[in-house]
Amino acid sequence: MKFLEIKILQPSSFEDFRGELYTLYKDGDYENLHFNHDKVSISKRNVLRGLHGDSRAYKLITCLAGEVLLVIVENRNESPNYLKWDSIILSEKNRIQVLVPPMFANGHLVLSENATFFYKWSYQGKYPDVDEQFTLKWNDPLIGIYWPIKHPILAQRDL
């Protein structure tokens, strides 16, 4: 990931004849962050959610089932990386987790038949709901994200 502010983690796992066991999070894993809100998004192939962000929340993101292309965009207009983007594949197989800080937008495209996208939120005060979030257009030519699809399934907010 080209952004120094983005943390990539991959938990170790234990596998045997029964399956696999791994820990997504335990208290104290992230200094100075208290996670207070979990969200799950279940979507079908070709659904693109985002690009959304806000000025207060950290999000610890992973894909519990299926496979998604996670895209992150820097949205601090004073940064030399303003509107630059990077991407990473998250899947149930690679177990990669990504910590996205405030003022970075994130969005994901479902690559598998279905996917379960999980994210823990850390923020002060009340939840930064849609009215406090910003949305970047998924196909904004100024950003120039490469998506492996021309006509994703989008919510009204993301059109």
C-alpha atoms as a PDB file:
ATOM      1  CA  MET A   1       0.000   0.000   0.000  1.00  0.00           C
ATOM      2  CA  LYS A   2       1.498   3.347  -0.996  1.00  0.00           C
ATOM      3  CA  PHE A   3       0.000   5.310   1.923  1.00  0.00           C
ATOM      4  CA  LEU A   4       2.052   5.273   5.128  1.00  0.00           C
ATOM      5  CA  GLU A   5      -1.101   5.952   7.165  1.00  0.00           C
ATOM      6  CA  ILE A   6      -2.758   2.692   6.041  1.00  0.00           C
ATOM      7  CA  LYS A   7      -1.903  -0.390   8.092  1.00  0.00           C
ATOM      8  CA  ILE A   8      -2.044  -3.865   6.505  1.00  0.00           C
ATOM      9  CA  LEU A   9      -2.257  -6.849   8.826  1.00  0.00           C
ATOM     10  CA  GLN A  10      -2.630 -10.567   8.364  1.00  0.00           C
ATOM     11  CA  PRO A  11      -3.507 -12.574  11.454  1.00  0.00           C
ATOM     12  CA  SER A  12      -1.899 -15.941  11.950  1.00  0.00           C
ATOM     13  CA  SER A  13      -4.250 -18.896  11.896  1.00  0.00           C
ATOM     14  CA  PHE A  14      -4.468 -22.401  13.256  1.00  0.00           C
ATOM     15  CA  GLU A  15      -5.609 -25.100  10.862  1.00  0.00           C
ATOM     16  CA  ASP A  16      -6.376 -28.758  11.426  1.00  0.00           C
ATOM     17  CA  PHE A  17      -8.763 -31.412  10.141  1.00  0.00           C
ATOM     18  CA  ARG A  18     -11.759 -29.436  11.514  1.00  0.00           C
ATOM     19  CA  GLY A  19     -10.997 -26.207   9.659  1.00  0.00           C
ATOM     20  CA  GLU A  20      -9.349 -22.952  10.625  1.00  0.00           C
ATOM     21  CA  LEU A  21      -9.293 -20.599  13.604  1.00  0.00           C
ATOM     22  CA  TYR A  22      -7.924 -17.046  13.702  1.00  0.00           C
ATOM     23  CA  THR A  23      -8.399 -13.869  15.741  1.00  0.00           C
ATOM     24  CA  LEU A  24      -9.611 -10.721  14.014  1.00  0.00           C
ATOM     25  CA  TYR A  25      -9.154  -8.377  16.955  1.00  0.00           C
ATOM     26  CA  LYS A  26      -8.341  -8.292  20.635  1.00  0.00           C
ATOM     27  CA  ASP A  27      -8.332  -5.317  22.986  1.00  0.00           C
ATOM     28  CA  GLY A  28      -4.979  -3.564  22.922  1.00  0.00           C
ATOM     29  CA  ASP A  29      -4.090  -4.489  19.333  1.00  0.00           C
ATOM     30  CA  TYR A  30      -4.240  -0.835  18.278  1.00  0.00           C
ATOM     31  CA  GLU A  31      -2.733   1.734  20.611  1.00  0.00           C
ATOM     32  CA  ASN A  32      -4.968   4.756  21.240  1.00  0.00           C
ATOM     33  CA  LEU A  33      -7.950   3.247  19.367  1.00  0.00           C
ATOM     34  CA  HIS A  34     -11.123   2.030  21.013  1.00  0.00           C
ATOM     35  CA  PHE A  35     -13.423   0.197  18.617  1.00  0.00           C
ATOM     36  CA  ASN A  36     -17.044   0.902  19.393  1.00  0.00           C
ATOM     37  CA  HIS A  37     -19.088  -0.145  16.361  1.00  0.00           C
ATOM     38  CA  ASP A  38     -19.086  -3.178  14.044  1.00  0.00           C
ATOM     39  CA  LYS A  39     -20.745  -3.337  10.623  1.00  0.00           C
ATOM     40  CA  VAL A  40     -21.234  -6.141   8.117  1.00  0.00           C
ATOM     41  CA  SER A  41     -22.061  -5.741   4.439  1.00  0.00           C
ATOM     42  CA  ILE A  42     -23.196  -8.766   2.426  1.00  0.00           C
ATOM     43  CA  SER A  43     -23.254  -8.220  -1.322  1.00  0.00           C
ATOM     44  CA  LYS A  44     -23.370 -10.136  -4.579  1.00  0.00           C
ATOM     45  CA  ARG A  45     -20.926 -10.138  -7.493  1.00  0.00           C
ATOM     46  CA  ASN A  46     -20.372  -6.776  -9.233  1.00  0.00           C
ATOM     47  CA  VAL A  47     -21.741  -4.678  -6.354  1.00  0.00           C
ATOM     48  CA  LEU A  48     -19.555  -1.621  -5.777  1.00  0.00           C
ATOM     49  CA  ARG A  49     -20.000   0.119  -2.411  1.00  0.00           C
ATOM     50  CA  GLY A  50     -18.364   3.483  -1.840  1.00  0.00           C
ATOM     51  CA  LEU A  51     -16.191   5.488  -1.994  1.00  0.00           C
ATOM     52  CA  HIS A  52     -17.054   6.847   1.459  1.00  0.00           C
ATOM     53  CA  GLY A  53     -15.150   8.360   4.345  1.00  0.00           C
ATOM     54  CA  ASP A  54     -15.362  10.881   7.156  1.00  0.00           C
ATOM     55  CA  SER A  55     -13.164  13.106   9.275  1.00  0.00           C
ATOM     56  CA  ARG A  56     -13.269  11.123  12.551  1.00  0.00           C
ATOM     57  CA  ALA A  57     -13.465   7.359  12.130  1.00  0.00           C
ATOM     58  CA  TYR A  58     -10.854   4.648  11.825  1.00  0.00           C
ATOM     59  CA  LYS A  59     -12.101   1.498  10.100  1.00  0.00           C
ATOM     60  CA  LEU A  60     -10.557  -1.951  10.464  1.00  0.00           C
ATOM     61  CA  ILE A  61     -11.699  -3.791   7.345  1.00  0.00           C
ATOM     62  CA  THR A  62     -11.609  -7.447   6.314  1.00  0.00           C
ATOM     63  CA  CYS A  63     -13.496  -9.856   4.065  1.00  0.00           C
ATOM     64  CA  LEU A  64     -14.970 -12.801   5.987  1.00  0.00           C
ATOM     65  CA  ALA A  65     -16.375 -14.665   2.981  1.00  0.00           C
ATOM     66  CA  GLY A  66     -15.732 -14.348  -0.725  1.00  0.00           C
ATOM     67  CA  GLU A  67     -13.397 -11.840  -2.347  1.00  0.00           C
ATOM     68  CA  VAL A  68     -13.431  -8.064  -2.792  1.00  0.00           C
ATOM     69  CA  LEU A  69     -11.249  -5.428  -4.356  1.00  0.00           C
ATOM     70  CA  LEU A  70     -10.755  -2.746  -1.682  1.00  0.00           C
ATOM     71  CA  VAL A  71      -9.882   0.721  -2.985  1.00  0.00           C
ATOM     72  CA  ILE A  72      -8.637   3.516  -0.724  1.00  0.00           C
ATOM     73  CA  VAL A  73      -8.410   7.183  -1.773  1.00  0.00           C
ATOM     74  CA  GLU A  74      -6.565   9.945   0.101  1.00  0.00           C
ATOM     75  CA  ASN A  75      -8.960  12.864   0.659  1.00  0.00           C
ATOM     76  CA  ARG A  76      -6.902  15.398   2.625  1.00  0.00           C
ATOM     77  CA  ASN A  77      -6.631  18.294   0.183  1.00  0.00           C
ATOM     78  CA  GLU A  78      -3.417  19.561   1.838  1.00  0.00           C
ATOM     79  CA  SER A  79      -1.685  16.218   1.255  1.00  0.00           C
ATOM     80  CA  PRO A  80       0.660  15.608  -1.701  1.00  0.00           C
ATOM     81  CA  ASN A  81      -1.298  12.353  -2.146  1.00  0.00           C
ATOM     82  CA  TYR A  82      -4.660  14.120  -2.429  1.00  0.00           C
ATOM     83  CA  LEU A  83      -7.015  12.028  -4.628  1.00  0.00           C
ATOM     84  CA  LYS A  84      -4.378   9.337  -5.170  1.00  0.00           C
ATOM     85  CA  TRP A  85      -5.590   5.775  -4.744  1.00  0.00           C
ATOM     86  CA  ASP A  86      -4.391   2.264  -4.047  1.00  0.00           C
ATOM     87  CA  SER A  87      -6.093  -1.112  -3.952  1.00  0.00           C
ATOM     88  CA  ILE A  88      -5.764  -4.555  -2.418  1.00  0.00           C
ATOM     89  CA  ILE A  89      -7.639  -7.837  -2.705  1.00  0.00           C
ATOM     90  CA  LEU A  90      -9.272  -8.988   0.522  1.00  0.00           C
ATOM     91  CA  SER A  91     -10.599 -12.516   0.787  1.00  0.00           C
ATOM     92  CA  GLU A  92     -11.554 -15.227   3.218  1.00  0.00           C
ATOM     93  CA  LYS A  93      -8.407 -17.048   2.088  1.00  0.00           C
ATOM     94  CA  ASN A  94      -5.797 -14.305   2.617  1.00  0.00           C
ATOM     95  CA  ARG A  95      -7.451 -12.944   5.823  1.00  0.00           C
ATOM     96  CA  ILE A  96      -5.836  -9.525   5.214  1.00  0.00           C
ATOM     97  CA  GLN A  97      -7.074  -6.679   7.384  1.00  0.00           C
ATOM     98  CA  VAL A  98      -6.684  -3.002   6.511  1.00  0.00           C
ATOM     99  CA  LEU A  99      -6.839  -0.123   8.998  1.00  0.00           C
ATOM    100  CA  VAL A 100      -8.156   2.975   7.219  1.00  0.00           C
ATOM    101  CA  PRO A 101      -7.759   6.304   9.085  1.00  0.00           C
ATOM    102  CA  PRO A 102     -10.016   9.378   8.921  1.00  0.00           C
ATOM    103  CA  MET A 103     -10.073  11.399   5.676  1.00  0.00           C
ATOM    104  CA  PHE A 104      -9.399   8.361   3.510  1.00  0.00           C
ATOM    105  CA  ALA A 105     -12.296   7.091   1.427  1.00  0.00           C
ATOM    106  CA  ASN A 106     -12.788   3.390   0.968  1.00  0.00           C
ATOM    107  CA  GLY A 107     -14.911   1.410  -1.416  1.00  0.00           C
ATOM    108  CA  HIS A 108     -15.088  -2.206  -2.452  1.00  0.00           C
ATOM    109  CA  LEU A 109     -16.141  -4.217  -5.474  1.00  0.00           C
ATOM    110  CA  VAL A 110     -17.352  -7.785  -4.973  1.00  0.00           C
ATOM    111  CA  LEU A 111     -15.356 -10.151  -7.186  1.00  0.00           C
ATOM    112  CA  SER A 112     -16.812 -13.466  -5.992  1.00  0.00           C
ATOM    113  CA  GLU A 113     -20.392 -14.756  -6.276  1.00  0.00           C
ATOM    114  CA  ASN A 114     -21.100 -13.213  -2.826  1.00  0.00           C
ATOM    115  CA  ALA A 115     -18.949 -11.537  -0.197  1.00  0.00           C
ATOM    116  CA  THR A 116     -19.208 -10.652   3.471  1.00  0.00           C
ATOM    117  CA  PHE A 117     -17.342  -7.430   4.232  1.00  0.00           C
ATOM    118  CA  PHE A 118     -16.680  -6.707   7.917  1.00  0.00           C
ATOM    119  CA  TYR A 119     -15.463  -3.499   9.476  1.00  0.00           C
ATOM    120  CA  LYS A 120     -14.875  -2.265  13.024  1.00  0.00           C
ATOM    121  CA  TRP A 121     -15.251   1.449  13.613  1.00  0.00           C
ATOM    122  CA  SER A 122     -13.359   3.598  16.113  1.00  0.00           C
ATOM    123  CA  TYR A 123     -14.585   7.159  16.641  1.00  0.00           C
ATOM    124  CA  GLN A 124     -15.195   9.708  19.391  1.00  0.00           C
ATOM    125  CA  GLY A 125     -18.731  10.873  20.122  1.00  0.00           C
ATOM    126  CA  LYS A 126     -21.682   9.806  18.033  1.00  0.00           C
ATOM    127  CA  TYR A 127     -21.479   7.627  14.945  1.00  0.00           C
ATOM    128  CA  PRO A 128     -20.478   9.657  11.846  1.00  0.00           C
ATOM    129  CA  ASP A 129     -23.544   8.731   9.808  1.00  0.00           C
ATOM    130  CA  VAL A 130     -24.197   9.523   6.134  1.00  0.00           C
ATOM    131  CA  ASP A 131     -24.774  13.236   6.821  1.00  0.00           C
ATOM    132  CA  GLU A 132     -21.211  13.539   8.213  1.00  0.00           C
ATOM    133  CA  GLN A 133     -19.546  11.395   5.551  1.00  0.00           C
ATOM    134  CA  PHE A 134     -18.113  12.376   2.214  1.00  0.00           C
ATOM    135  CA  THR A 135     -18.598  10.429  -1.004  1.00  0.00           C
ATOM    136  CA  LEU A 136     -16.184  10.384  -3.916  1.00  0.00           C
ATOM    137  CA  LYS A 137     -17.498   9.270  -7.283  1.00  0.00           C
ATOM    138  CA  TRP A 138     -16.295   5.739  -8.050  1.00  0.00           C
ATOM    139  CA  ASN A 139     -15.388   6.652 -11.646  1.00  0.00           C
ATOM    140  CA  ASP A 140     -14.186  10.241 -11.149  1.00  0.00           C
ATOM    141  CA  PRO A 141     -11.643  10.875 -13.942  1.00  0.00           C
ATOM    142  CA  LEU A 142      -9.595  13.118 -11.598  1.00  0.00           C
ATOM    143  CA  ILE A 143      -8.972  10.080  -9.391  1.00  0.00           C
ATOM    144  CA  GLY A 144      -8.647   7.572 -12.253  1.00  0.00           C
ATOM    145  CA  ILE A 145      -9.288   4.325 -10.366  1.00  0.00           C
ATOM    146  CA  TYR A 146      -8.955   1.164 -12.403  1.00  0.00           C
ATOM    147  CA  TRP A 147     -11.990  -1.008 -11.686  1.00  0.00           C
ATOM    148  CA  PRO A 148     -12.177  -4.372 -13.480  1.00  0.00           C
ATOM    149  CA  ILE A 149     -15.796  -3.667 -14.448  1.00  0.00           C
ATOM    150  CA  LYS A 150     -17.524  -1.009 -16.550  1.00  0.00           C
ATOM    151  CA  HIS A 151     -21.068  -1.199 -15.129  1.00  0.00           C
ATOM    152  CA  PRO A 152     -21.111  -2.084 -11.445  1.00  0.00           C
ATOM    153  CA  ILE A 153     -24.250  -2.390  -9.340  1.00  0.00           C
ATOM    154  CA  LEU A 154     -24.468   0.866  -7.357  1.00  0.00           C
ATOM    155  CA  ALA A 155     -26.640   2.434  -4.678  1.00  0.00           C
ATOM    156  CA  GLN A 156     -28.248   5.781  -5.492  1.00  0.00           C
ATOM    157  CA  ARG A 157     -25.731   7.509  -3.207  1.00  0.00           C
ATOM    158  CA  ASP A 158     -22.815   6.175  -5.275  1.00  0.00           C
ATOM    159  CA  LEU A 159     -24.157   7.057  -8.722  1.00  0.00           C
END
